[in-house]
Amino acid sequence: AKEFEVGLSDSGTLTLNYNYAPNSTIQDAFRAAKKAGTEV
């Protein structure tokens, strides 16, 4: 029958919900990281 091995795990996603305050430090950091393609 079909046989399988489990490969590398996937840590998936993290969704953070918040009160929207676009000029706050962290929400500004999210925008900057998305634009630059850097990790947080």
PDB file of all heavy atoms in Angstrom:
ATOM      1  N   ALA A   1       0.864  -1.179   0.000  1.00  0.00           N
ATOM      2  CA  ALA A   1       0.000   0.000   0.000  1.00  0.00           C
ATOM      3  C   ALA A   1       0.902   1.231   0.000  1.00  0.00           C
ATOM      4  O   ALA A   1       2.121   1.123   0.185  1.00  0.00           O
ATOM      5  CB  ALA A   1      -0.916   0.009   1.228  1.00  0.00           C
ATOM      6  N   LYS A   2       0.342   2.369  -0.224  1.00  0.00           N
ATOM      7  CA  LYS A   2       1.121   3.601  -0.215  1.00  0.00           C
ATOM      8  C   LYS A   2       1.832   3.760   1.128  1.00  0.00           C
ATOM      9  O   LYS A   2       1.252   3.527   2.192  1.00  0.00           O
ATOM     10  CB  LYS A   2       0.218   4.806  -0.449  1.00  0.00           C
ATOM     11  CG  LYS A   2      -0.188   5.034  -1.885  1.00  0.00           C
ATOM     12  CD  LYS A   2       0.920   5.782  -2.625  1.00  0.00           C
ATOM     13  CE  LYS A   2       0.462   6.245  -4.002  1.00  0.00           C
ATOM     14  NZ  LYS A   2       1.506   7.027  -4.684  1.00  0.00           N
ATOM     15  N   GLU A   3       3.102   4.192   1.079  1.00  0.00           N
ATOM     16  CA  GLU A   3       3.880   4.426   2.287  1.00  0.00           C
ATOM     17  C   GLU A   3       4.450   5.847   2.258  1.00  0.00           C
ATOM     18  O   GLU A   3       4.850   6.333   1.189  1.00  0.00           O
ATOM     19  CB  GLU A   3       5.017   3.414   2.413  1.00  0.00           C
ATOM     20  CG  GLU A   3       4.545   1.974   2.578  1.00  0.00           C
ATOM     21  CD  GLU A   3       5.709   1.022   2.704  1.00  0.00           C
ATOM     22  OE1 GLU A   3       6.300   0.676   1.663  1.00  0.00           O
ATOM     23  OE2 GLU A   3       6.045   0.662   3.843  1.00  0.00           O
ATOM     24  N   PHE A   4       4.482   6.457   3.447  1.00  0.00           N
ATOM     25  CA  PHE A   4       4.934   7.843   3.520  1.00  0.00           C
ATOM     26  C   PHE A   4       5.830   8.058   4.731  1.00  0.00           C
ATOM     27  O   PHE A   4       5.694   7.386   5.753  1.00  0.00           O
ATOM     28  CB  PHE A   4       3.738   8.805   3.631  1.00  0.00           C
ATOM     29  CG  PHE A   4       2.818   8.762   2.451  1.00  0.00           C
ATOM     30  CD1 PHE A   4       1.712   7.920   2.445  1.00  0.00           C
ATOM     31  CD2 PHE A   4       3.048   9.557   1.339  1.00  0.00           C
ATOM     32  CE1 PHE A   4       0.857   7.872   1.365  1.00  0.00           C
ATOM     33  CE2 PHE A   4       2.198   9.514   0.244  1.00  0.00           C
ATOM     34  CZ  PHE A   4       1.093   8.675   0.255  1.00  0.00           C
ATOM     35  N   GLU A   5       6.752   9.009   4.616  1.00  0.00           N
ATOM     36  CA  GLU A   5       7.536   9.521   5.735  1.00  0.00           C
ATOM     37  C   GLU A   5       7.109  10.967   5.970  1.00  0.00           C
ATOM     38  O   GLU A   5       6.800  11.694   5.017  1.00  0.00           O
ATOM     39  CB  GLU A   5       9.039   9.473   5.439  1.00  0.00           C
ATOM     40  CG  GLU A   5       9.627   8.078   5.342  1.00  0.00           C
ATOM     41  CD  GLU A   5       9.844   7.443   6.693  1.00  0.00           C
ATOM     42  OE1 GLU A   5       9.731   8.156   7.718  1.00  0.00           O
ATOM     43  OE2 GLU A   5      10.129   6.237   6.733  1.00  0.00           O
ATOM     44  N   VAL A   6       7.082  11.353   7.244  1.00  0.00           N
ATOM     45  CA  VAL A   6       6.763  12.737   7.570  1.00  0.00           C
ATOM     46  C   VAL A   6       8.015  13.581   7.369  1.00  0.00           C
ATOM     47  O   VAL A   6       9.093  13.267   7.886  1.00  0.00           O
ATOM     48  CB  VAL A   6       6.268  12.877   9.024  1.00  0.00           C
ATOM     49  CG1 VAL A   6       6.030  14.332   9.370  1.00  0.00           C
ATOM     50  CG2 VAL A   6       4.988  12.074   9.209  1.00  0.00           C
ATOM     51  N   GLY A   7       7.884  14.654   6.605  1.00  0.00           N
ATOM     52  CA  GLY A   7       9.007  15.546   6.333  1.00  0.00           C
ATOM     53  C   GLY A   7       9.100  16.668   7.349  1.00  0.00           C
ATOM     54  O   GLY A   7       8.673  16.532   8.501  1.00  0.00           O
ATOM     55  N   LEU A   8       9.642  17.784   6.922  1.00  0.00           N
ATOM     56  CA  LEU A   8       9.840  18.922   7.813  1.00  0.00           C
ATOM     57  C   LEU A   8       8.506  19.513   8.255  1.00  0.00           C
ATOM     58  O   LEU A   8       7.539  19.552   7.495  1.00  0.00           O
ATOM     59  CB  LEU A   8      10.664  20.008   7.105  1.00  0.00           C
ATOM     60  CG  LEU A   8      12.113  19.637   6.776  1.00  0.00           C
ATOM     61  CD1 LEU A   8      12.758  20.755   5.970  1.00  0.00           C
ATOM     62  CD2 LEU A   8      12.894  19.365   8.047  1.00  0.00           C
ATOM     63  N   SER A   9       8.483  19.959   9.502  1.00  0.00           N
ATOM     64  CA  SER A   9       7.278  20.598  10.023  1.00  0.00           C
ATOM     65  C   SER A   9       7.147  22.013   9.473  1.00  0.00           C
ATOM     66  O   SER A   9       8.118  22.601   8.975  1.00  0.00           O
ATOM     67  CB  SER A   9       7.315  20.638  11.554  1.00  0.00           C
ATOM     68  OG  SER A   9       8.391  21.446  11.996  1.00  0.00           O
ATOM     69  N   ASP A  10       5.957  22.557   9.560  1.00  0.00           N
ATOM     70  CA  ASP A  10       5.659  23.915   9.091  1.00  0.00           C
ATOM     71  C   ASP A  10       5.041  24.671  10.252  1.00  0.00           C
ATOM     72  O   ASP A  10       3.975  24.290  10.749  1.00  0.00           O
ATOM     73  CB  ASP A  10       4.690  23.840   7.906  1.00  0.00           C
ATOM     74  CG  ASP A  10       4.336  25.207   7.329  1.00  0.00           C
ATOM     75  OD1 ASP A  10       4.724  26.230   7.918  1.00  0.00           O
ATOM     76  OD2 ASP A  10       3.651  25.236   6.290  1.00  0.00           O
ATOM     77  N   SER A  11       5.714  25.724  10.712  1.00  0.00           N
ATOM     78  CA  SER A  11       5.206  26.489  11.855  1.00  0.00           C
ATOM     79  C   SER A  11       3.998  27.344  11.513  1.00  0.00           C
ATOM     80  O   SER A  11       3.396  27.951  12.403  1.00  0.00           O
ATOM     81  CB  SER A  11       6.322  27.365  12.444  1.00  0.00           C
ATOM     82  OG  SER A  11       7.326  26.563  13.026  1.00  0.00           O
ATOM     83  N   GLY A  12       3.640  27.424  10.242  1.00  0.00           N
ATOM     84  CA  GLY A  12       2.379  28.051   9.855  1.00  0.00           C
ATOM     85  C   GLY A  12       2.378  29.561   9.952  1.00  0.00           C
ATOM     86  O   GLY A  12       3.333  30.230   9.538  1.00  0.00           O
ATOM     87  N   THR A  13       1.316  30.094  10.532  1.00  0.00           N
ATOM     88  CA  THR A  13       1.120  31.538  10.576  1.00  0.00           C
ATOM     89  C   THR A  13       0.764  31.992  11.984  1.00  0.00           C
ATOM     90  O   THR A  13       0.284  31.216  12.808  1.00  0.00           O
ATOM     91  CB  THR A  13      -0.009  31.975   9.620  1.00  0.00           C
ATOM     92  OG1 THR A  13      -1.234  31.332  10.009  1.00  0.00           O
ATOM     93  CG2 THR A  13       0.313  31.614   8.182  1.00  0.00           C
ATOM     94  N   LEU A  14       0.983  33.263  12.215  1.00  0.00           N
ATOM     95  CA  LEU A  14       0.558  33.926  13.448  1.00  0.00           C
ATOM     96  C   LEU A  14      -0.227  35.160  13.048  1.00  0.00           C
ATOM     97  O   LEU A  14       0.292  36.028  12.338  1.00  0.00           O
ATOM     98  CB  LEU A  14       1.755  34.321  14.309  1.00  0.00           C
ATOM     99  CG  LEU A  14       1.439  35.170  15.546  1.00  0.00           C
ATOM    100  CD1 LEU A  14       0.634  34.359  16.561  1.00  0.00           C
ATOM    101  CD2 LEU A  14       2.713  35.709  16.177  1.00  0.00           C
ATOM    102  N   THR A  15      -1.489  35.230  13.481  1.00  0.00           N
ATOM    103  CA  THR A  15      -2.319  36.407  13.220  1.00  0.00           C
ATOM    104  C   THR A  15      -2.476  37.188  14.507  1.00  0.00           C
ATOM    105  O   THR A  15      -2.881  36.647  15.538  1.00  0.00           O
ATOM    106  CB  THR A  15      -3.696  35.993  12.680  1.00  0.00           C
ATOM    107  OG1 THR A  15      -3.528  35.257  11.461  1.00  0.00           O
ATOM    108  CG2 THR A  15      -4.549  37.231  12.386  1.00  0.00           C
ATOM    109  N   LEU A  16      -2.156  38.471  14.441  1.00  0.00           N
ATOM    110  CA  LEU A  16      -2.280  39.366  15.583  1.00  0.00           C
ATOM    111  C   LEU A  16      -3.392  40.363  15.303  1.00  0.00           C
ATOM    112  O   LEU A  16      -3.369  41.066  14.278  1.00  0.00           O
ATOM    113  CB  LEU A  16      -0.958  40.098  15.829  1.00  0.00           C
ATOM    114  CG  LEU A  16       0.240  39.198  16.147  1.00  0.00           C
ATOM    115  CD1 LEU A  16       1.531  40.016  16.184  1.00  0.00           C
ATOM    116  CD2 LEU A  16       0.035  38.468  17.464  1.00  0.00           C
ATOM    117  N   ASN A  17      -4.382  40.413  16.180  1.00  0.00           N
ATOM    118  CA  ASN A  17      -5.496  41.354  16.065  1.00  0.00           C
ATOM    119  C   ASN A  17      -5.293  42.489  17.061  1.00  0.00           C
ATOM    120  O   ASN A  17      -4.850  42.258  18.194  1.00  0.00           O
ATOM    121  CB  ASN A  17      -6.818  40.642  16.334  1.00  0.00           C
ATOM    122  CG  ASN A  17      -7.054  39.494  15.370  1.00  0.00           C
ATOM    123  OD1 ASN A  17      -6.958  39.658  14.159  1.00  0.00           O
ATOM    124  ND2 ASN A  17      -7.345  38.315  15.899  1.00  0.00           N
ATOM    125  N   TYR A  18      -5.665  43.709  16.677  1.00  0.00           N
ATOM    126  CA  TYR A  18      -5.346  44.856  17.520  1.00  0.00           C
ATOM    127  C   TYR A  18      -6.264  46.042  17.217  1.00  0.00           C
ATOM    128  O   TYR A  18      -6.955  46.075  16.178  1.00  0.00           O
ATOM    129  CB  TYR A  18      -3.888  45.274  17.329  1.00  0.00           C
ATOM    130  CG  TYR A  18      -3.432  45.335  15.885  1.00  0.00           C
ATOM    131  CD1 TYR A  18      -3.688  46.443  15.074  1.00  0.00           C
ATOM    132  CD2 TYR A  18      -2.731  44.266  15.318  1.00  0.00           C
ATOM    133  CE1 TYR A  18      -3.261  46.491  13.763  1.00  0.00           C
ATOM    134  CE2 TYR A  18      -2.308  44.294  14.001  1.00  0.00           C
ATOM    135  CZ  TYR A  18      -2.567  45.415  13.225  1.00  0.00           C
ATOM    136  OH  TYR A  18      -2.153  45.458  11.917  1.00  0.00           O
ATOM    137  N   ASN A  19      -6.284  46.978  18.142  1.00  0.00           N
ATOM    138  CA  ASN A  19      -6.903  48.268  17.888  1.00  0.00           C
ATOM    139  C   ASN A  19      -5.983  49.046  16.943  1.00  0.00           C
ATOM    140  O   ASN A  19      -4.796  49.199  17.214  1.00  0.00           O
ATOM    141  CB  ASN A  19      -7.115  49.042  19.191  1.00  0.00           C
ATOM    142  CG  ASN A  19      -8.140  48.388  20.088  1.00  0.00           C
ATOM    143  OD1 ASN A  19      -9.141  47.837  19.614  1.00  0.00           O
ATOM    144  ND2 ASN A  19      -7.911  48.417  21.393  1.00  0.00           N
ATOM    145  N   TYR A  20      -6.557  49.491  15.825  1.00  0.00           N
ATOM    146  CA  TYR A  20      -5.746  50.088  14.768  1.00  0.00           C
ATOM    147  C   TYR A  20      -5.278  51.484  15.159  1.00  0.00           C
ATOM    148  O   TYR A  20      -6.082  52.372  15.452  1.00  0.00           O
ATOM    149  CB  TYR A  20      -6.545  50.138  13.472  1.00  0.00           C
ATOM    150  CG  TYR A  20      -5.758  50.605  12.280  1.00  0.00           C
ATOM    151  CD1 TYR A  20      -4.668  49.872  11.828  1.00  0.00           C
ATOM    152  CD2 TYR A  20      -6.114  51.758  11.591  1.00  0.00           C
ATOM    153  CE1 TYR A  20      -3.944  50.282  10.721  1.00  0.00           C
ATOM    154  CE2 TYR A  20      -5.402  52.175  10.479  1.00  0.00           C
ATOM    155  CZ  TYR A  20      -4.311  51.440  10.052  1.00  0.00           C
ATOM    156  OH  TYR A  20      -3.600  51.846   8.963  1.00  0.00           O
ATOM    157  N   ALA A  21      -3.965  51.647  15.182  1.00  0.00           N
ATOM    158  CA  ALA A  21      -3.342  52.939  15.492  1.00  0.00           C
ATOM    159  C   ALA A  21      -2.129  53.048  14.580  1.00  0.00           C
ATOM    160  O   ALA A  21      -1.025  52.641  14.956  1.00  0.00           O
ATOM    161  CB  ALA A  21      -2.946  53.019  16.958  1.00  0.00           C
ATOM    162  N   PRO A  22      -2.303  53.557  13.371  1.00  0.00           N
ATOM    163  CA  PRO A  22      -1.268  53.450  12.331  1.00  0.00           C
ATOM    164  C   PRO A  22       0.070  54.077  12.678  1.00  0.00           C
ATOM    165  O   PRO A  22       1.101  53.656  12.149  1.00  0.00           O
ATOM    166  CB  PRO A  22      -1.909  54.138  11.120  1.00  0.00           C
ATOM    167  CG  PRO A  22      -2.980  55.002  11.685  1.00  0.00           C
ATOM    168  CD  PRO A  22      -3.487  54.282  12.888  1.00  0.00           C
ATOM    169  N   ASN A  23       0.073  55.074  13.570  1.00  0.00           N
ATOM    170  CA  ASN A  23       1.332  55.720  13.915  1.00  0.00           C
ATOM    171  C   ASN A  23       2.013  55.105  15.140  1.00  0.00           C
ATOM    172  O   ASN A  23       3.053  55.600  15.576  1.00  0.00           O
ATOM    173  CB  ASN A  23       1.118  57.221  14.159  1.00  0.00           C
ATOM    174  CG  ASN A  23       0.799  57.956  12.874  1.00  0.00           C
ATOM    175  OD1 ASN A  23       1.293  57.588  11.812  1.00  0.00           O
ATOM    176  ND2 ASN A  23      -0.033  58.984  12.956  1.00  0.00           N
ATOM    177  N   SER A  24       1.435  54.054  15.700  1.00  0.00           N
ATOM    178  CA  SER A  24       2.054  53.411  16.857  1.00  0.00           C
ATOM    179  C   SER A  24       3.321  52.672  16.417  1.00  0.00           C
ATOM    180  O   SER A  24       3.484  52.283  15.261  1.00  0.00           O
ATOM    181  CB  SER A  24       1.081  52.437  17.524  1.00  0.00           C
ATOM    182  OG  SER A  24       0.737  51.397  16.635  1.00  0.00           O
ATOM    183  N   THR A  25       4.224  52.473  17.362  1.00  0.00           N
ATOM    184  CA  THR A  25       5.554  51.940  17.055  1.00  0.00           C
ATOM    185  C   THR A  25       5.499  50.586  16.369  1.00  0.00           C
ATOM    186  O   THR A  25       6.152  50.358  15.341  1.00  0.00           O
ATOM    187  CB  THR A  25       6.381  51.828  18.348  1.00  0.00           C
ATOM    188  OG1 THR A  25       6.464  53.126  18.950  1.00  0.00           O
ATOM    189  CG2 THR A  25       7.775  51.323  18.063  1.00  0.00           C
ATOM    190  N   ILE A  26       4.711  49.667  16.907  1.00  0.00           N
ATOM    191  CA  ILE A  26       4.694  48.304  16.359  1.00  0.00           C
ATOM    192  C   ILE A  26       3.988  48.246  15.015  1.00  0.00           C
ATOM    193  O   ILE A  26       4.466  47.589  14.079  1.00  0.00           O
ATOM    194  CB  ILE A  26       4.052  47.338  17.368  1.00  0.00           C
ATOM    195  CG1 ILE A  26       5.000  47.130  18.553  1.00  0.00           C
ATOM    196  CG2 ILE A  26       3.709  45.997  16.706  1.00  0.00           C
ATOM    197  CD1 ILE A  26       4.438  46.275  19.657  1.00  0.00           C
ATOM    198  N   GLN A  27       2.867  48.922  14.876  1.00  0.00           N
ATOM    199  CA  GLN A  27       2.157  48.882  13.604  1.00  0.00           C
ATOM    200  C   GLN A  27       2.967  49.548  12.497  1.00  0.00           C
ATOM    201  O   GLN A  27       2.932  49.135  11.334  1.00  0.00           O
ATOM    202  CB  GLN A  27       0.772  49.505  13.771  1.00  0.00           C
ATOM    203  CG  GLN A  27      -0.114  48.644  14.674  1.00  0.00           C
ATOM    204  CD  GLN A  27      -1.453  49.272  14.983  1.00  0.00           C
ATOM    205  OE1 GLN A  27      -2.160  49.738  14.090  1.00  0.00           O
ATOM    206  NE2 GLN A  27      -1.826  49.279  16.258  1.00  0.00           N
ATOM    207  N   ASP A  28       3.741  50.573  12.846  1.00  0.00           N
ATOM    208  CA  ASP A  28       4.668  51.171  11.889  1.00  0.00           C
ATOM    209  C   ASP A  28       5.773  50.188  11.530  1.00  0.00           C
ATOM    210  O   ASP A  28       6.185  50.086  10.368  1.00  0.00           O
ATOM    211  CB  ASP A  28       5.273  52.445  12.489  1.00  0.00           C
ATOM    212  CG  ASP A  28       6.192  53.153  11.509  1.00  0.00           C
ATOM    213  OD1 ASP A  28       5.735  53.537  10.415  1.00  0.00           O
ATOM    214  OD2 ASP A  28       7.389  53.307  11.833  1.00  0.00           O
ATOM    215  N   ALA A  29       6.242  49.405  12.526  1.00  0.00           N
ATOM    216  CA  ALA A  29       7.278  48.407  12.265  1.00  0.00           C
ATOM    217  C   ALA A  29       6.765  47.303  11.339  1.00  0.00           C
ATOM    218  O   ALA A  29       7.518  46.795  10.497  1.00  0.00           O
ATOM    219  CB  ALA A  29       7.772  47.806  13.586  1.00  0.00           C
ATOM    220  N   PHE A  30       5.494  46.925  11.472  1.00  0.00           N
ATOM    221  CA  PHE A  30       4.911  45.933  10.569  1.00  0.00           C
ATOM    222  C   PHE A  30       4.954  46.430   9.120  1.00  0.00           C
ATOM    223  O   PHE A  30       5.325  45.691   8.201  1.00  0.00           O
ATOM    224  CB  PHE A  30       3.466  45.629  10.952  1.00  0.00           C
ATOM    225  CG  PHE A  30       3.313  44.733  12.159  1.00  0.00           C
ATOM    226  CD1 PHE A  30       2.197  44.841  12.979  1.00  0.00           C
ATOM    227  CD2 PHE A  30       4.257  43.777  12.465  1.00  0.00           C
ATOM    228  CE1 PHE A  30       2.036  44.026  14.086  1.00  0.00           C
ATOM    229  CE2 PHE A  30       4.107  42.945  13.571  1.00  0.00           C
ATOM    230  CZ  PHE A  30       2.993  43.071  14.387  1.00  0.00           C
ATOM    231  N   ARG A  31       4.568  47.682   8.914  1.00  0.00           N
ATOM    232  CA  ARG A  31       4.571  48.232   7.555  1.00  0.00           C
ATOM    233  C   ARG A  31       5.986  48.262   6.983  1.00  0.00           C
ATOM    234  O   ARG A  31       6.217  47.916   5.820  1.00  0.00           O
ATOM    235  CB  ARG A  31       3.968  49.636   7.546  1.00  0.00           C
ATOM    236  CG  ARG A  31       2.463  49.670   7.771  1.00  0.00           C
ATOM    237  CD  ARG A  31       1.888  51.038   7.394  1.00  0.00           C
ATOM    238  NE  ARG A  31       2.494  52.101   8.178  1.00  0.00           N
ATOM    239  CZ  ARG A  31       2.075  52.471   9.381  1.00  0.00           C
ATOM    240  NH1 ARG A  31       1.056  51.845   9.950  1.00  0.00           N
ATOM    241  NH2 ARG A  31       2.661  53.459  10.029  1.00  0.00           N
ATOM    242  N   ALA A  32       6.934  48.678   7.818  1.00  0.00           N
ATOM    243  CA  ALA A  32       8.318  48.765   7.357  1.00  0.00           C
ATOM    244  C   ALA A  32       8.873  47.387   7.017  1.00  0.00           C
ATOM    245  O   ALA A  32       9.579  47.210   6.015  1.00  0.00           O
ATOM    246  CB  ALA A  32       9.175  49.438   8.423  1.00  0.00           C
ATOM    247  N   ALA A  33       8.554  46.376   7.848  1.00  0.00           N
ATOM    248  CA  ALA A  33       9.045  45.027   7.598  1.00  0.00           C
ATOM    249  C   ALA A  33       8.447  44.444   6.326  1.00  0.00           C
ATOM    250  O   ALA A  33       9.132  43.756   5.561  1.00  0.00           O
ATOM    251  CB  ALA A  33       8.727  44.135   8.790  1.00  0.00           C
ATOM    252  N   LYS A  34       7.175  44.715   6.093  1.00  0.00           N
ATOM    253  CA  LYS A  34       6.528  44.212   4.876  1.00  0.00           C
ATOM    254  C   LYS A  34       7.157  44.844   3.640  1.00  0.00           C
ATOM    255  O   LYS A  34       7.443  44.161   2.649  1.00  0.00           O
ATOM    256  CB  LYS A  34       5.031  44.503   4.921  1.00  0.00           C
ATOM    257  CG  LYS A  34       4.271  43.952   3.712  1.00  0.00           C
ATOM    258  CD  LYS A  34       2.788  44.256   3.807  1.00  0.00           C
ATOM    259  CE  LYS A  34       2.047  43.702   2.588  1.00  0.00           C
ATOM    260  NZ  LYS A  34       0.602  44.027   2.633  1.00  0.00           N
ATOM    261  N   LYS A  35       7.404  46.141   3.707  1.00  0.00           N
ATOM    262  CA  LYS A  35       7.986  46.850   2.565  1.00  0.00           C
ATOM    263  C   LYS A  35       9.403  46.374   2.279  1.00  0.00           C
ATOM    264  O   LYS A  35       9.790  46.190   1.122  1.00  0.00           O
ATOM    265  CB  LYS A  35       7.983  48.356   2.836  1.00  0.00           C
ATOM    266  CG  LYS A  35       8.510  49.192   1.688  1.00  0.00           C
ATOM    267  CD  LYS A  35       8.399  50.670   2.007  1.00  0.00           C
ATOM    268  CE  LYS A  35       8.914  51.526   0.847  1.00  0.00           C
ATOM    269  NZ  LYS A  35       8.788  52.976   1.146  1.00  0.00           N
ATOM    270  N   ALA A  36      10.185  46.141   3.346  1.00  0.00           N
ATOM    271  CA  ALA A  36      11.589  45.756   3.182  1.00  0.00           C
ATOM    272  C   ALA A  36      11.775  44.252   3.020  1.00  0.00           C
ATOM    273  O   ALA A  36      12.862  43.798   2.655  1.00  0.00           O
ATOM    274  CB  ALA A  36      12.394  46.242   4.381  1.00  0.00           C
ATOM    275  N   GLY A  37      10.737  43.469   3.324  1.00  0.00           N
ATOM    276  CA  GLY A  37      10.855  42.028   3.250  1.00  0.00           C
ATOM    277  C   GLY A  37      11.708  41.440   4.364  1.00  0.00           C
ATOM    278  O   GLY A  37      12.286  40.361   4.207  1.00  0.00           O
ATOM    279  N   THR A  38      11.773  42.134   5.499  1.00  0.00           N
ATOM    280  CA  THR A  38      12.562  41.664   6.631  1.00  0.00           C
ATOM    281  C   THR A  38      11.684  40.923   7.633  1.00  0.00           C
ATOM    282  O   THR A  38      10.464  41.067   7.643  1.00  0.00           O
ATOM    283  CB  THR A  38      13.260  42.834   7.341  1.00  0.00           C
ATOM    284  OG1 THR A  38      12.275  43.828   7.692  1.00  0.00           O
ATOM    285  CG2 THR A  38      14.282  43.474   6.427  1.00  0.00           C
ATOM    286  N   GLU A  39      12.327  40.145   8.494  1.00  0.00           N
ATOM    287  CA  GLU A  39      11.601  39.355   9.483  1.00  0.00           C
ATOM    288  C   GLU A  39      11.413  40.140  10.778  1.00  0.00           C
ATOM    289  O   GLU A  39      12.206  41.023  11.101  1.00  0.00           O
ATOM    290  CB  GLU A  39      12.361  38.052   9.771  1.00  0.00           C
ATOM    291  CG  GLU A  39      12.456  37.144   8.554  1.00  0.00           C
ATOM    292  CD  GLU A  39      13.418  35.996   8.783  1.00  0.00           C
ATOM    293  OE1 GLU A  39      14.373  36.176   9.561  1.00  0.00           O
ATOM    294  OE2 GLU A  39      13.217  34.932   8.176  1.00  0.00           O
ATOM    295  N   VAL A  40      10.367  39.792  11.496  1.00  0.00           N
ATOM    296  CA  VAL A  40      10.133  40.341  12.824  1.00  0.00           C
ATOM    297  C   VAL A  40      10.031  39.184  13.807  1.00  0.00           C
ATOM    298  O   VAL A  40       9.738  38.047  13.425  1.00  0.00           O
ATOM    299  CB  VAL A  40       8.853  41.212  12.887  1.00  0.00           C
ATOM    300  CG1 VAL A  40       8.974  42.418  11.982  1.00  0.00           C
ATOM    301  CG2 VAL A  40       7.625  40.386  12.524  1.00  0.00           C
TER     302      VAL A  40
END
